[in-house]
């Protein structure tokens, strides 16, 4: 089974767009891929947006509460959102959902919340959750000022925690870049080298990039996603 944990160098960097693009591409190749958003915050009355987008992209019929077992109103880190509602994050429920989805599907994409060190509960952050389930990490990096530092620190965090790194996808979630940001990004591409496995251009809300924005072959190989 091939599994990927999609994390970001920051919040709102385009993790869901990248996760959905990978799910759609794998589905287009005839692969059975499940999707999961363990905890989603800032959930409106109509339900978790990210989880619903993942379900649509993967074309699965799994129940929403299985794909996204923990949902909170406040748009903050899961631990913060849980405290605001006088709740605790139910790790057992999340673990069981991941196990169930892993048994239902040949492959699984798991989208985290925010960056690697965002706390999931009182004792576990996103990196710890990835390690807990032996999930290789795909990082989504924002194409803007500060991205060199954020991206390299995130890679270092993976290395220190022994998390296998699938690669880095650069996401133009903030739109058109300034000249300074564009020059900055050139250096990041140089530093990443073979770790760079995609670059997502700006896309309209609800849309996904073309499949050539991702090096799907490299992503599949490094994540162990076979036919």
N, C-alpha and C. Protein backbone atom coordinates (compact mmCIF):
# COMPACT_ATOMS: atom_id res chain seq x y z
N UNK A 1 0.83 -1.19 0.00
CA UNK A 1 0.00 0.00 0.00
C UNK A 1 0.87 1.25 0.00
N UNK A 2 0.51 2.21 -0.84
CA UNK A 2 1.20 3.49 -0.85
C UNK A 2 0.38 4.54 -0.11
N UNK A 3 1.04 5.27 0.77
CA UNK A 3 0.34 6.29 1.54
C UNK A 3 1.20 7.56 1.57
N UNK A 4 0.54 8.70 1.61
CA UNK A 4 1.24 9.99 1.66
C UNK A 4 0.55 10.89 2.68
N UNK A 5 1.37 11.55 3.49
CA UNK A 5 0.87 12.59 4.39
C UNK A 5 1.22 13.94 3.78
N UNK A 6 0.21 14.71 3.39
CA UNK A 6 0.44 16.01 2.76
C UNK A 6 0.42 17.09 3.83
N UNK A 7 1.56 17.72 4.02
CA UNK A 7 1.68 18.78 5.01
C UNK A 7 2.13 20.06 4.32
N UNK A 8 2.11 21.16 5.06
CA UNK A 8 2.49 22.45 4.48
C UNK A 8 3.61 23.11 5.25
N UNK A 9 4.19 24.13 4.65
CA UNK A 9 5.17 24.93 5.36
C UNK A 9 4.48 26.04 6.14
N UNK A 10 3.16 26.13 5.98
CA UNK A 10 2.38 27.20 6.60
C UNK A 10 0.91 26.82 6.42
N UNK A 11 0.02 27.68 6.89
CA UNK A 11 -1.40 27.44 6.64
C UNK A 11 -1.83 28.12 5.35
N UNK A 12 -2.88 27.61 4.73
CA UNK A 12 -3.41 28.18 3.47
C UNK A 12 -2.35 28.25 2.38
N UNK A 13 -1.55 27.20 2.27
CA UNK A 13 -0.52 27.17 1.23
C UNK A 13 -0.96 26.40 -0.01
N UNK A 14 -2.12 25.75 0.07
CA UNK A 14 -2.60 24.99 -1.08
C UNK A 14 -2.53 23.49 -0.91
N UNK A 15 -2.52 23.03 0.34
CA UNK A 15 -2.45 21.58 0.59
C UNK A 15 -3.63 20.85 -0.04
N UNK A 16 -4.82 21.41 0.09
CA UNK A 16 -6.01 20.73 -0.43
C UNK A 16 -5.97 20.67 -1.95
N UNK A 17 -5.53 21.74 -2.59
CA UNK A 17 -5.42 21.74 -4.05
C UNK A 17 -4.45 20.65 -4.50
N UNK A 18 -3.29 20.57 -3.84
CA UNK A 18 -2.30 19.56 -4.19
C UNK A 18 -2.83 18.16 -3.91
N UNK A 19 -3.46 17.97 -2.74
CA UNK A 19 -4.02 16.65 -2.39
C UNK A 19 -5.07 16.21 -3.40
N UNK A 20 -5.94 17.14 -3.77
CA UNK A 20 -6.99 16.82 -4.74
C UNK A 20 -6.40 16.54 -6.12
N UNK A 21 -5.37 17.28 -6.50
CA UNK A 21 -4.74 17.07 -7.80
C UNK A 21 -4.10 15.68 -7.87
N UNK A 22 -3.46 15.27 -6.78
CA UNK A 22 -2.85 13.94 -6.75
C UNK A 22 -3.93 12.86 -6.78
N UNK A 23 -4.99 13.06 -5.98
CA UNK A 23 -6.08 12.08 -5.95
C UNK A 23 -6.72 11.93 -7.32
N UNK A 24 -6.96 13.04 -8.00
CA UNK A 24 -7.56 13.00 -9.34
C UNK A 24 -6.64 12.30 -10.33
N UNK A 25 -5.33 12.60 -10.24
CA UNK A 25 -4.38 11.99 -11.17
C UNK A 25 -4.28 10.48 -10.96
N UNK A 26 -4.23 10.05 -9.71
CA UNK A 26 -4.15 8.61 -9.42
C UNK A 26 -5.43 7.91 -9.87
N UNK A 27 -6.54 8.56 -9.60
CA UNK A 27 -7.84 8.00 -10.04
C UNK A 27 -7.87 7.89 -11.56
N UNK A 28 -7.29 8.89 -12.25
CA UNK A 28 -7.26 8.87 -13.71
C UNK A 28 -6.42 7.75 -14.27
N UNK A 29 -5.48 7.26 -13.46
CA UNK A 29 -4.65 6.13 -13.87
C UNK A 29 -5.27 4.79 -13.46
N UNK A 30 -6.50 4.86 -12.97
CA UNK A 30 -7.22 3.64 -12.62
C UNK A 30 -6.87 3.08 -11.26
N UNK A 31 -6.24 3.88 -10.40
CA UNK A 31 -5.85 3.41 -9.08
C UNK A 31 -6.94 3.70 -8.05
N UNK A 32 -7.04 2.83 -7.08
CA UNK A 32 -7.99 2.99 -5.98
C UNK A 32 -7.30 3.77 -4.87
N UNK A 33 -7.69 5.01 -4.68
CA UNK A 33 -7.05 5.85 -3.67
C UNK A 33 -8.09 6.43 -2.72
N UNK A 34 -7.89 6.20 -1.43
CA UNK A 34 -8.73 6.80 -0.42
C UNK A 34 -8.15 8.12 0.03
N UNK A 35 -8.97 8.93 0.67
CA UNK A 35 -8.53 10.25 1.14
C UNK A 35 -8.97 10.45 2.58
N UNK A 36 -8.21 11.29 3.29
CA UNK A 36 -8.54 11.53 4.68
C UNK A 36 -8.05 12.91 5.11
N UNK A 37 -8.84 13.57 5.91
CA UNK A 37 -8.49 14.82 6.58
C UNK A 37 -8.77 14.57 8.06
N UNK A 38 -7.78 14.11 8.83
CA UNK A 38 -8.03 13.67 10.21
C UNK A 38 -8.77 14.69 11.06
N UNK A 39 -8.39 15.97 10.91
CA UNK A 39 -9.04 17.02 11.69
C UNK A 39 -9.15 18.27 10.83
N UNK A 40 -10.35 18.79 10.70
CA UNK A 40 -10.55 20.04 9.95
C UNK A 40 -11.18 21.07 10.87
N UNK A 41 -10.63 22.28 10.83
CA UNK A 41 -11.15 23.35 11.66
C UNK A 41 -11.75 24.44 10.77
N UNK A 42 -12.48 25.36 11.39
CA UNK A 42 -13.17 26.38 10.61
C UNK A 42 -14.26 25.79 9.75
N UNK A 43 -14.93 24.77 10.29
CA UNK A 43 -15.95 24.05 9.51
C UNK A 43 -17.29 24.79 9.56
N UNK A 44 -17.85 25.16 8.40
CA UNK A 44 -19.15 25.84 8.36
C UNK A 44 -20.31 24.85 8.53
N UNK A 45 -21.51 25.37 8.51
CA UNK A 45 -22.70 24.52 8.70
C UNK A 45 -22.82 23.44 7.65
N UNK A 46 -22.38 23.73 6.44
CA UNK A 46 -22.53 22.75 5.35
C UNK A 46 -21.50 21.63 5.40
N UNK A 47 -20.59 21.69 6.35
CA UNK A 47 -19.64 20.60 6.51
C UNK A 47 -18.23 20.98 6.11
N UNK A 48 -17.26 20.11 6.38
CA UNK A 48 -15.86 20.41 6.12
C UNK A 48 -15.54 20.54 4.64
N UNK A 49 -15.11 21.71 4.24
CA UNK A 49 -14.85 22.00 2.83
C UNK A 49 -13.73 21.13 2.27
N UNK A 50 -12.60 21.08 2.99
CA UNK A 50 -11.45 20.34 2.47
C UNK A 50 -11.77 18.86 2.29
N UNK A 51 -12.41 18.28 3.28
CA UNK A 51 -12.74 16.85 3.21
C UNK A 51 -13.70 16.56 2.06
N UNK A 52 -14.65 17.43 1.86
CA UNK A 52 -15.60 17.22 0.76
C UNK A 52 -14.90 17.34 -0.60
N UNK A 53 -13.96 18.28 -0.70
CA UNK A 53 -13.20 18.42 -1.95
C UNK A 53 -12.36 17.17 -2.21
N UNK A 54 -11.77 16.61 -1.17
CA UNK A 54 -10.97 15.40 -1.31
C UNK A 54 -11.82 14.23 -1.79
N UNK A 55 -13.00 14.08 -1.21
CA UNK A 55 -13.91 12.99 -1.59
C UNK A 55 -14.29 13.11 -3.06
N UNK A 56 -14.60 14.33 -3.49
CA UNK A 56 -14.98 14.53 -4.89
C UNK A 56 -13.83 14.21 -5.84
N UNK A 57 -12.63 14.67 -5.49
CA UNK A 57 -11.47 14.45 -6.36
C UNK A 57 -11.12 12.97 -6.49
N UNK A 58 -11.25 12.23 -5.38
CA UNK A 58 -10.91 10.81 -5.39
C UNK A 58 -12.05 9.95 -5.92
N UNK A 59 -13.26 10.50 -5.96
CA UNK A 59 -14.41 9.74 -6.45
C UNK A 59 -14.79 8.59 -5.54
N UNK A 60 -14.62 8.78 -4.22
CA UNK A 60 -14.92 7.71 -3.26
C UNK A 60 -16.31 7.91 -2.65
N UNK A 61 -16.83 6.84 -2.07
CA UNK A 61 -18.15 6.91 -1.43
C UNK A 61 -18.05 6.77 0.08
N UNK A 62 -16.86 6.95 0.63
CA UNK A 62 -16.69 6.83 2.07
C UNK A 62 -17.46 7.93 2.79
N UNK A 63 -18.05 7.63 3.95
CA UNK A 63 -18.80 8.63 4.70
C UNK A 63 -17.92 9.81 5.09
N UNK A 64 -18.50 11.00 5.10
CA UNK A 64 -17.76 12.21 5.42
C UNK A 64 -17.14 12.14 6.82
N UNK A 65 -17.87 11.57 7.77
CA UNK A 65 -17.37 11.48 9.14
C UNK A 65 -16.22 10.49 9.28
N UNK A 66 -16.06 9.60 8.30
CA UNK A 66 -14.91 8.69 8.29
C UNK A 66 -13.71 9.38 7.68
N UNK A 67 -13.94 10.11 6.60
CA UNK A 67 -12.86 10.85 5.94
C UNK A 67 -12.34 11.97 6.85
N UNK A 68 -13.25 12.60 7.56
CA UNK A 68 -12.88 13.69 8.46
C UNK A 68 -13.51 13.45 9.84
N UNK A 69 -12.90 12.62 10.68
CA UNK A 69 -13.51 12.23 11.94
C UNK A 69 -13.59 13.32 13.00
N UNK A 70 -12.72 14.31 12.94
CA UNK A 70 -12.75 15.38 13.93
C UNK A 70 -12.95 16.73 13.24
N UNK A 71 -14.05 17.40 13.59
CA UNK A 71 -14.41 18.67 12.96
C UNK A 71 -14.68 19.72 14.03
N UNK A 72 -14.15 20.94 13.78
CA UNK A 72 -14.28 22.01 14.76
C UNK A 72 -14.67 23.33 14.08
N UNK A 73 -15.32 24.19 14.83
CA UNK A 73 -15.81 25.47 14.29
C UNK A 73 -14.71 26.51 14.12
N UNK A 74 -13.87 26.66 15.13
CA UNK A 74 -12.88 27.73 15.12
C UNK A 74 -11.77 27.44 14.12
N UNK A 75 -11.45 28.40 13.22
CA UNK A 75 -10.37 28.19 12.24
C UNK A 75 -9.00 28.40 12.88
N UNK A 76 -8.55 27.41 13.61
CA UNK A 76 -7.27 27.48 14.31
C UNK A 76 -6.65 26.09 14.34
N UNK A 77 -5.53 25.94 15.04
CA UNK A 77 -4.93 24.62 15.19
C UNK A 77 -5.93 23.68 15.87
N UNK A 78 -5.93 22.39 15.54
CA UNK A 78 -6.92 21.47 16.12
C UNK A 78 -6.99 21.53 17.64
N UNK A 79 -5.85 21.57 18.31
CA UNK A 79 -5.85 21.63 19.77
C UNK A 79 -6.51 22.90 20.27
N UNK A 80 -6.22 24.02 19.62
CA UNK A 80 -6.81 25.30 20.01
C UNK A 80 -8.31 25.28 19.76
N UNK A 81 -8.73 24.76 18.62
CA UNK A 81 -10.16 24.70 18.29
C UNK A 81 -10.91 23.79 19.25
N UNK A 82 -10.30 22.68 19.61
CA UNK A 82 -10.93 21.76 20.56
C UNK A 82 -11.11 22.42 21.92
N UNK A 83 -10.08 23.11 22.39
CA UNK A 83 -10.17 23.81 23.68
C UNK A 83 -11.27 24.87 23.66
N UNK A 84 -11.42 25.55 22.53
CA UNK A 84 -12.44 26.61 22.42
C UNK A 84 -13.85 26.05 22.56
N UNK A 85 -14.01 24.76 22.23
CA UNK A 85 -15.32 24.11 22.33
C UNK A 85 -15.41 23.21 23.56
N UNK A 86 -14.42 23.32 24.45
CA UNK A 86 -14.36 22.47 25.66
C UNK A 86 -14.42 20.99 25.27
N UNK A 87 -13.67 20.66 24.22
CA UNK A 87 -13.58 19.29 23.75
C UNK A 87 -12.13 18.83 23.76
N UNK A 88 -11.93 17.55 23.53
CA UNK A 88 -10.59 17.03 23.32
C UNK A 88 -10.58 16.35 21.95
N UNK A 89 -9.44 16.39 21.29
CA UNK A 89 -9.29 15.68 20.02
C UNK A 89 -9.24 14.19 20.32
N UNK A 90 -10.14 13.45 19.68
CA UNK A 90 -10.25 12.01 19.92
C UNK A 90 -9.28 11.27 18.99
N UNK A 91 -8.07 11.04 19.49
CA UNK A 91 -7.06 10.37 18.68
C UNK A 91 -7.45 8.94 18.33
N UNK A 92 -8.10 8.28 19.26
CA UNK A 92 -8.54 6.92 18.99
C UNK A 92 -9.50 6.85 17.81
N UNK A 93 -10.37 7.82 17.74
CA UNK A 93 -11.33 7.90 16.63
C UNK A 93 -10.60 8.13 15.31
N UNK A 94 -9.60 9.00 15.34
CA UNK A 94 -8.82 9.28 14.14
C UNK A 94 -8.04 8.05 13.71
N UNK A 95 -7.40 7.40 14.67
CA UNK A 95 -6.62 6.20 14.35
C UNK A 95 -7.49 5.11 13.74
N UNK A 96 -8.67 4.94 14.29
CA UNK A 96 -9.58 3.92 13.77
C UNK A 96 -10.04 4.27 12.36
N UNK A 97 -10.31 5.54 12.11
CA UNK A 97 -10.73 5.96 10.77
C UNK A 97 -9.62 5.71 9.76
N UNK A 98 -8.39 6.01 10.14
CA UNK A 98 -7.26 5.78 9.22
C UNK A 98 -7.10 4.29 8.94
N UNK A 99 -7.24 3.48 9.97
CA UNK A 99 -7.13 2.03 9.80
C UNK A 99 -8.23 1.51 8.86
N UNK A 100 -9.45 2.00 9.06
CA UNK A 100 -10.58 1.57 8.24
C UNK A 100 -10.37 1.96 6.78
N UNK A 101 -9.94 3.20 6.54
CA UNK A 101 -9.72 3.67 5.18
C UNK A 101 -8.56 2.92 4.52
N UNK A 102 -7.54 2.59 5.29
CA UNK A 102 -6.41 1.83 4.76
C UNK A 102 -6.85 0.44 4.32
N UNK A 103 -7.82 -0.12 5.02
CA UNK A 103 -8.32 -1.45 4.67
C UNK A 103 -9.28 -1.39 3.48
N UNK A 104 -9.93 -0.25 3.29
CA UNK A 104 -10.89 -0.11 2.20
C UNK A 104 -10.23 0.18 0.86
N UNK A 105 -9.06 0.81 0.89
CA UNK A 105 -8.46 1.30 -0.35
C UNK A 105 -7.03 0.77 -0.53
N UNK A 106 -6.62 0.70 -1.79
CA UNK A 106 -5.27 0.24 -2.10
C UNK A 106 -4.23 1.27 -1.68
N UNK A 107 -4.59 2.56 -1.76
CA UNK A 107 -3.67 3.64 -1.41
C UNK A 107 -4.44 4.71 -0.63
N UNK A 108 -3.69 5.57 0.06
CA UNK A 108 -4.36 6.56 0.92
C UNK A 108 -3.57 7.87 0.94
N UNK A 109 -4.28 8.98 0.74
CA UNK A 109 -3.73 10.32 0.90
C UNK A 109 -4.31 10.93 2.16
N UNK A 110 -3.44 11.41 3.04
CA UNK A 110 -3.87 12.00 4.31
C UNK A 110 -3.40 13.44 4.35
N UNK A 111 -4.35 14.38 4.42
CA UNK A 111 -4.00 15.80 4.45
C UNK A 111 -3.99 16.31 5.88
N UNK A 112 -2.86 16.85 6.29
CA UNK A 112 -2.74 17.39 7.64
C UNK A 112 -3.38 18.77 7.76
N UNK A 113 -3.20 19.37 8.94
CA UNK A 113 -3.69 20.72 9.21
C UNK A 113 -2.49 21.62 9.44
N UNK A 114 -2.36 22.67 8.62
CA UNK A 114 -1.23 23.58 8.78
C UNK A 114 0.10 22.90 8.51
N UNK A 115 1.11 23.25 9.33
CA UNK A 115 2.44 22.71 9.15
C UNK A 115 2.74 21.54 10.06
N UNK A 116 3.96 21.05 9.98
CA UNK A 116 4.35 19.82 10.68
C UNK A 116 4.29 19.93 12.20
N UNK A 117 4.54 21.11 12.75
CA UNK A 117 4.57 21.25 14.19
C UNK A 117 3.28 21.80 14.79
N UNK A 118 2.24 21.86 13.97
CA UNK A 118 0.92 22.26 14.49
C UNK A 118 0.40 21.16 15.42
N UNK A 119 -0.02 21.52 16.62
CA UNK A 119 -0.49 20.49 17.57
C UNK A 119 -1.84 19.91 17.19
N UNK A 120 -1.88 18.58 17.17
CA UNK A 120 -3.14 17.88 16.93
C UNK A 120 -3.91 17.73 18.24
N UNK A 121 -3.19 17.29 19.28
CA UNK A 121 -3.79 17.24 20.61
C UNK A 121 -2.73 17.66 21.62
N UNK A 122 -2.93 17.35 22.89
CA UNK A 122 -2.03 17.82 23.93
C UNK A 122 -0.62 17.23 23.81
N UNK A 123 -0.48 16.10 23.16
CA UNK A 123 0.81 15.41 23.14
C UNK A 123 1.37 15.14 21.76
N UNK A 124 0.60 15.41 20.71
CA UNK A 124 1.00 14.99 19.37
C UNK A 124 0.82 16.12 18.37
N UNK A 125 1.87 16.37 17.59
CA UNK A 125 1.75 17.34 16.50
C UNK A 125 1.60 16.59 15.18
N UNK A 126 1.52 17.33 14.07
CA UNK A 126 1.29 16.70 12.77
C UNK A 126 2.44 15.78 12.37
N UNK A 127 3.67 16.19 12.67
CA UNK A 127 4.81 15.34 12.38
C UNK A 127 4.74 14.05 13.19
N UNK A 128 4.33 14.17 14.45
CA UNK A 128 4.18 13.00 15.30
C UNK A 128 3.10 12.06 14.80
N UNK A 129 2.03 12.64 14.26
CA UNK A 129 0.95 11.82 13.70
C UNK A 129 1.46 11.05 12.49
N UNK A 130 2.24 11.73 11.62
CA UNK A 130 2.80 11.05 10.45
C UNK A 130 3.71 9.91 10.89
N UNK A 131 4.53 10.16 11.91
CA UNK A 131 5.42 9.12 12.41
C UNK A 131 4.65 7.98 13.04
N UNK A 132 3.58 8.30 13.74
CA UNK A 132 2.74 7.31 14.43
C UNK A 132 2.20 6.27 13.46
N UNK A 133 1.92 6.72 12.22
CA UNK A 133 1.34 5.83 11.22
C UNK A 133 2.29 5.53 10.06
N UNK A 134 3.57 5.85 10.25
CA UNK A 134 4.60 5.56 9.23
C UNK A 134 4.20 6.12 7.86
N UNK A 135 3.80 7.40 7.85
CA UNK A 135 3.36 8.05 6.61
C UNK A 135 4.49 8.91 6.04
N UNK A 136 4.95 8.63 4.83
CA UNK A 136 5.92 9.52 4.19
C UNK A 136 5.28 10.87 3.90
N UNK A 137 6.08 11.92 3.96
CA UNK A 137 5.56 13.29 3.91
C UNK A 137 5.80 13.94 2.55
N UNK A 138 4.77 14.60 2.04
CA UNK A 138 4.88 15.48 0.89
C UNK A 138 4.65 16.90 1.40
N UNK A 139 5.62 17.78 1.22
CA UNK A 139 5.50 19.15 1.69
C UNK A 139 4.96 20.06 0.59
N UNK A 140 4.05 20.93 0.96
CA UNK A 140 3.55 21.96 0.05
C UNK A 140 4.10 23.30 0.55
N UNK A 141 4.87 23.98 -0.30
CA UNK A 141 5.55 25.21 0.08
C UNK A 141 4.91 26.41 -0.62
N UNK A 142 4.75 27.48 0.13
CA UNK A 142 4.18 28.70 -0.43
C UNK A 142 5.20 29.44 -1.28
N UNK A 143 4.77 29.91 -2.44
CA UNK A 143 5.65 30.66 -3.34
C UNK A 143 5.59 32.14 -2.99
N UNK A 144 6.22 32.52 -1.88
CA UNK A 144 6.24 33.92 -1.47
C UNK A 144 7.43 34.15 -0.55
N UNK A 145 7.65 35.40 -0.17
CA UNK A 145 8.76 35.75 0.69
C UNK A 145 8.70 34.95 1.99
N UNK A 146 9.85 34.41 2.39
CA UNK A 146 9.92 33.59 3.59
C UNK A 146 9.89 32.11 3.31
N UNK A 147 9.62 31.75 2.06
CA UNK A 147 9.44 30.33 1.75
C UNK A 147 10.73 29.53 1.84
N UNK A 148 11.88 30.17 1.60
CA UNK A 148 13.14 29.43 1.72
C UNK A 148 13.31 28.93 3.14
N UNK A 149 13.17 29.84 4.09
CA UNK A 149 13.31 29.48 5.50
C UNK A 149 12.28 28.46 5.92
N UNK A 150 11.01 28.70 5.61
CA UNK A 150 9.93 27.80 6.03
C UNK A 150 10.12 26.40 5.44
N UNK A 151 10.50 26.36 4.17
CA UNK A 151 10.63 25.07 3.50
C UNK A 151 11.82 24.27 4.03
N UNK A 152 12.96 24.92 4.14
CA UNK A 152 14.15 24.21 4.61
C UNK A 152 14.02 23.78 6.07
N UNK A 153 13.35 24.59 6.89
CA UNK A 153 13.10 24.19 8.27
C UNK A 153 12.18 22.98 8.33
N UNK A 154 11.17 22.94 7.46
CA UNK A 154 10.25 21.81 7.43
C UNK A 154 10.96 20.53 6.98
N UNK A 155 11.85 20.67 5.99
CA UNK A 155 12.64 19.51 5.55
C UNK A 155 13.53 19.03 6.69
N UNK A 156 14.13 19.97 7.41
CA UNK A 156 14.99 19.61 8.54
C UNK A 156 14.19 18.90 9.62
N UNK A 157 12.95 19.34 9.85
CA UNK A 157 12.10 18.69 10.86
C UNK A 157 11.81 17.24 10.46
N UNK A 158 11.58 17.02 9.17
CA UNK A 158 11.36 15.64 8.70
C UNK A 158 12.60 14.79 8.93
N UNK A 159 13.75 15.34 8.61
CA UNK A 159 15.00 14.59 8.76
C UNK A 159 15.26 14.24 10.22
N UNK A 160 15.06 15.21 11.11
CA UNK A 160 15.32 14.98 12.53
C UNK A 160 14.37 13.95 13.13
N UNK A 161 13.16 13.87 12.59
CA UNK A 161 12.18 12.93 13.13
C UNK A 161 12.16 11.62 12.36
N UNK A 162 13.04 11.48 11.39
CA UNK A 162 13.10 10.24 10.64
C UNK A 162 11.91 10.01 9.73
N UNK A 163 11.29 11.09 9.26
CA UNK A 163 10.13 10.97 8.38
C UNK A 163 10.59 10.92 6.92
N UNK A 164 10.26 9.87 6.19
CA UNK A 164 10.61 9.83 4.77
C UNK A 164 9.96 10.99 4.02
N UNK A 165 10.71 11.63 3.14
CA UNK A 165 10.20 12.79 2.42
C UNK A 165 9.96 12.42 0.95
N UNK A 166 8.71 12.49 0.54
CA UNK A 166 8.36 12.22 -0.85
C UNK A 166 8.89 13.34 -1.76
N UNK A 167 8.82 14.56 -1.26
CA UNK A 167 9.27 15.70 -2.04
C UNK A 167 8.56 16.96 -1.63
N UNK A 168 8.77 18.01 -2.43
CA UNK A 168 8.18 19.32 -2.16
C UNK A 168 7.44 19.79 -3.40
N UNK A 169 6.23 20.29 -3.21
CA UNK A 169 5.46 20.93 -4.27
C UNK A 169 5.36 22.41 -3.94
N UNK A 170 5.77 23.26 -4.85
CA UNK A 170 5.64 24.70 -4.66
C UNK A 170 4.25 25.13 -5.13
N UNK A 171 3.57 25.88 -4.29
CA UNK A 171 2.20 26.30 -4.59
C UNK A 171 2.11 27.82 -4.67
N UNK A 172 1.59 28.30 -5.80
CA UNK A 172 1.40 29.74 -5.99
C UNK A 172 0.03 30.15 -5.46
N UNK A 173 -0.22 29.84 -4.21
CA UNK A 173 -1.54 30.11 -3.62
C UNK A 173 -1.81 31.59 -3.45
N UNK A 174 -0.76 32.42 -3.40
CA UNK A 174 -0.95 33.85 -3.18
C UNK A 174 -1.10 34.63 -4.49
N UNK A 175 -1.06 33.93 -5.62
CA UNK A 175 -1.24 34.60 -6.89
C UNK A 175 0.07 35.03 -7.53
N UNK A 176 0.01 36.10 -8.31
CA UNK A 176 1.17 36.58 -9.06
C UNK A 176 2.25 37.07 -8.09
N UNK A 177 3.50 36.71 -8.37
CA UNK A 177 4.61 37.07 -7.49
C UNK A 177 5.23 38.41 -7.87
N UNK A 178 5.78 39.08 -6.87
CA UNK A 178 6.59 40.26 -7.13
C UNK A 178 7.93 39.80 -7.71
N UNK A 179 8.70 40.74 -8.24
CA UNK A 179 10.01 40.39 -8.79
C UNK A 179 10.90 39.80 -7.70
N UNK A 180 10.83 40.36 -6.49
CA UNK A 180 11.66 39.86 -5.39
C UNK A 180 11.28 38.44 -5.02
N UNK A 181 9.99 38.18 -4.95
CA UNK A 181 9.53 36.83 -4.62
C UNK A 181 9.93 35.83 -5.70
N UNK A 182 9.85 36.24 -6.95
CA UNK A 182 10.23 35.36 -8.06
C UNK A 182 11.71 35.00 -7.99
N UNK A 183 12.55 35.98 -7.68
CA UNK A 183 13.98 35.72 -7.54
C UNK A 183 14.24 34.79 -6.36
N UNK A 184 13.53 35.03 -5.28
CA UNK A 184 13.64 34.19 -4.08
C UNK A 184 13.31 32.75 -4.41
N UNK A 185 12.27 32.57 -5.22
CA UNK A 185 11.81 31.24 -5.57
C UNK A 185 12.82 30.50 -6.45
N UNK A 186 13.53 31.24 -7.27
CA UNK A 186 14.57 30.62 -8.10
C UNK A 186 15.61 29.93 -7.23
N UNK A 187 15.98 30.58 -6.13
CA UNK A 187 16.97 29.99 -5.23
C UNK A 187 16.41 28.75 -4.54
N UNK A 188 15.12 28.80 -4.15
CA UNK A 188 14.52 27.63 -3.51
C UNK A 188 14.51 26.44 -4.45
N UNK A 189 14.14 26.66 -5.70
CA UNK A 189 14.15 25.57 -6.68
C UNK A 189 15.55 24.97 -6.79
N UNK A 190 16.55 25.84 -6.80
CA UNK A 190 17.94 25.38 -6.88
C UNK A 190 18.30 24.54 -5.66
N UNK A 191 17.91 25.00 -4.47
CA UNK A 191 18.25 24.28 -3.24
C UNK A 191 17.52 22.93 -3.16
N UNK A 192 16.31 22.89 -3.66
CA UNK A 192 15.52 21.66 -3.57
C UNK A 192 16.04 20.58 -4.50
N UNK A 193 16.45 20.95 -5.68
CA UNK A 193 16.95 19.96 -6.63
C UNK A 193 15.91 18.88 -6.91
N UNK A 194 16.30 17.62 -6.73
CA UNK A 194 15.42 16.50 -7.04
C UNK A 194 14.24 16.38 -6.07
N UNK A 195 14.30 17.10 -4.97
CA UNK A 195 13.16 17.07 -4.03
C UNK A 195 11.94 17.80 -4.59
N UNK A 196 12.15 18.67 -5.57
CA UNK A 196 11.03 19.41 -6.17
C UNK A 196 10.26 18.48 -7.10
N UNK A 197 9.01 18.19 -6.73
CA UNK A 197 8.21 17.24 -7.52
C UNK A 197 6.94 17.88 -8.09
N UNK A 198 6.92 19.21 -8.11
CA UNK A 198 5.77 19.86 -8.72
C UNK A 198 5.72 21.33 -8.40
N UNK A 199 5.02 22.07 -9.24
CA UNK A 199 4.79 23.49 -8.99
C UNK A 199 3.39 23.84 -9.50
N UNK A 200 2.56 24.26 -8.56
CA UNK A 200 1.15 24.54 -8.85
C UNK A 200 0.95 26.02 -9.13
N UNK A 201 0.48 26.39 -10.32
CA UNK A 201 0.22 27.79 -10.63
C UNK A 201 -1.03 28.29 -9.89
N UNK A 202 -1.28 29.58 -9.88
CA UNK A 202 -2.52 30.07 -9.27
C UNK A 202 -3.73 29.45 -9.96
N UNK A 203 -4.70 28.99 -9.18
CA UNK A 203 -5.93 28.43 -9.73
C UNK A 203 -7.13 29.10 -9.08
N UNK A 204 -8.23 29.16 -9.80
CA UNK A 204 -9.45 29.75 -9.27
C UNK A 204 -10.04 28.82 -8.21
N UNK A 205 -10.80 29.37 -7.26
CA UNK A 205 -11.42 28.53 -6.23
C UNK A 205 -12.25 27.40 -6.86
N UNK A 206 -12.04 26.18 -6.36
CA UNK A 206 -12.77 25.02 -6.88
C UNK A 206 -12.15 24.37 -8.08
N UNK A 207 -11.10 24.97 -8.64
CA UNK A 207 -10.44 24.40 -9.81
C UNK A 207 -9.15 23.69 -9.40
N UNK A 208 -8.69 22.78 -10.27
CA UNK A 208 -7.44 22.07 -10.03
C UNK A 208 -6.49 22.33 -11.19
N UNK A 209 -5.19 22.27 -10.94
CA UNK A 209 -4.22 22.52 -12.00
C UNK A 209 -4.16 21.37 -12.99
N UNK A 210 -3.51 21.60 -14.12
CA UNK A 210 -3.32 20.53 -15.08
C UNK A 210 -2.38 19.49 -14.49
N UNK A 211 -2.47 18.27 -14.96
CA UNK A 211 -1.72 17.17 -14.36
C UNK A 211 -0.21 17.30 -14.57
N UNK A 212 0.21 18.07 -15.57
CA UNK A 212 1.65 18.22 -15.79
C UNK A 212 2.31 19.15 -14.77
N UNK A 213 1.51 19.70 -13.86
CA UNK A 213 2.08 20.53 -12.78
C UNK A 213 2.75 19.68 -11.72
N UNK A 214 2.48 18.38 -11.74
CA UNK A 214 3.06 17.45 -10.77
C UNK A 214 3.89 16.39 -11.48
N UNK A 215 4.99 16.01 -10.84
CA UNK A 215 5.78 14.88 -11.33
C UNK A 215 5.21 13.63 -10.66
N UNK A 216 4.10 13.15 -11.21
CA UNK A 216 3.38 12.05 -10.58
C UNK A 216 4.22 10.78 -10.52
N UNK A 217 5.05 10.56 -11.52
CA UNK A 217 5.88 9.35 -11.53
C UNK A 217 6.83 9.33 -10.33
N UNK A 218 7.46 10.47 -10.06
CA UNK A 218 8.35 10.55 -8.91
C UNK A 218 7.59 10.41 -7.60
N UNK A 219 6.45 11.05 -7.50
CA UNK A 219 5.64 10.97 -6.29
C UNK A 219 5.22 9.53 -6.03
N UNK A 220 4.77 8.86 -7.07
CA UNK A 220 4.36 7.46 -6.92
C UNK A 220 5.51 6.57 -6.52
N UNK A 221 6.64 6.75 -7.15
CA UNK A 221 7.80 5.90 -6.86
C UNK A 221 8.25 6.06 -5.41
N UNK A 222 8.36 7.29 -4.96
CA UNK A 222 8.86 7.56 -3.61
C UNK A 222 7.87 7.19 -2.52
N UNK A 223 6.59 7.20 -2.87
CA UNK A 223 5.56 6.85 -1.88
C UNK A 223 5.17 5.37 -1.94
N UNK A 224 5.72 4.64 -2.90
CA UNK A 224 5.42 3.22 -3.03
C UNK A 224 4.03 2.96 -3.58
N UNK A 225 3.56 3.84 -4.44
CA UNK A 225 2.22 3.69 -5.04
C UNK A 225 2.37 2.97 -6.38
N UNK A 226 2.08 1.68 -6.37
CA UNK A 226 2.22 0.88 -7.59
C UNK A 226 0.84 0.54 -8.13
N UNK A 227 0.82 0.08 -9.38
CA UNK A 227 -0.46 -0.32 -10.00
C UNK A 227 -1.03 -1.55 -9.32
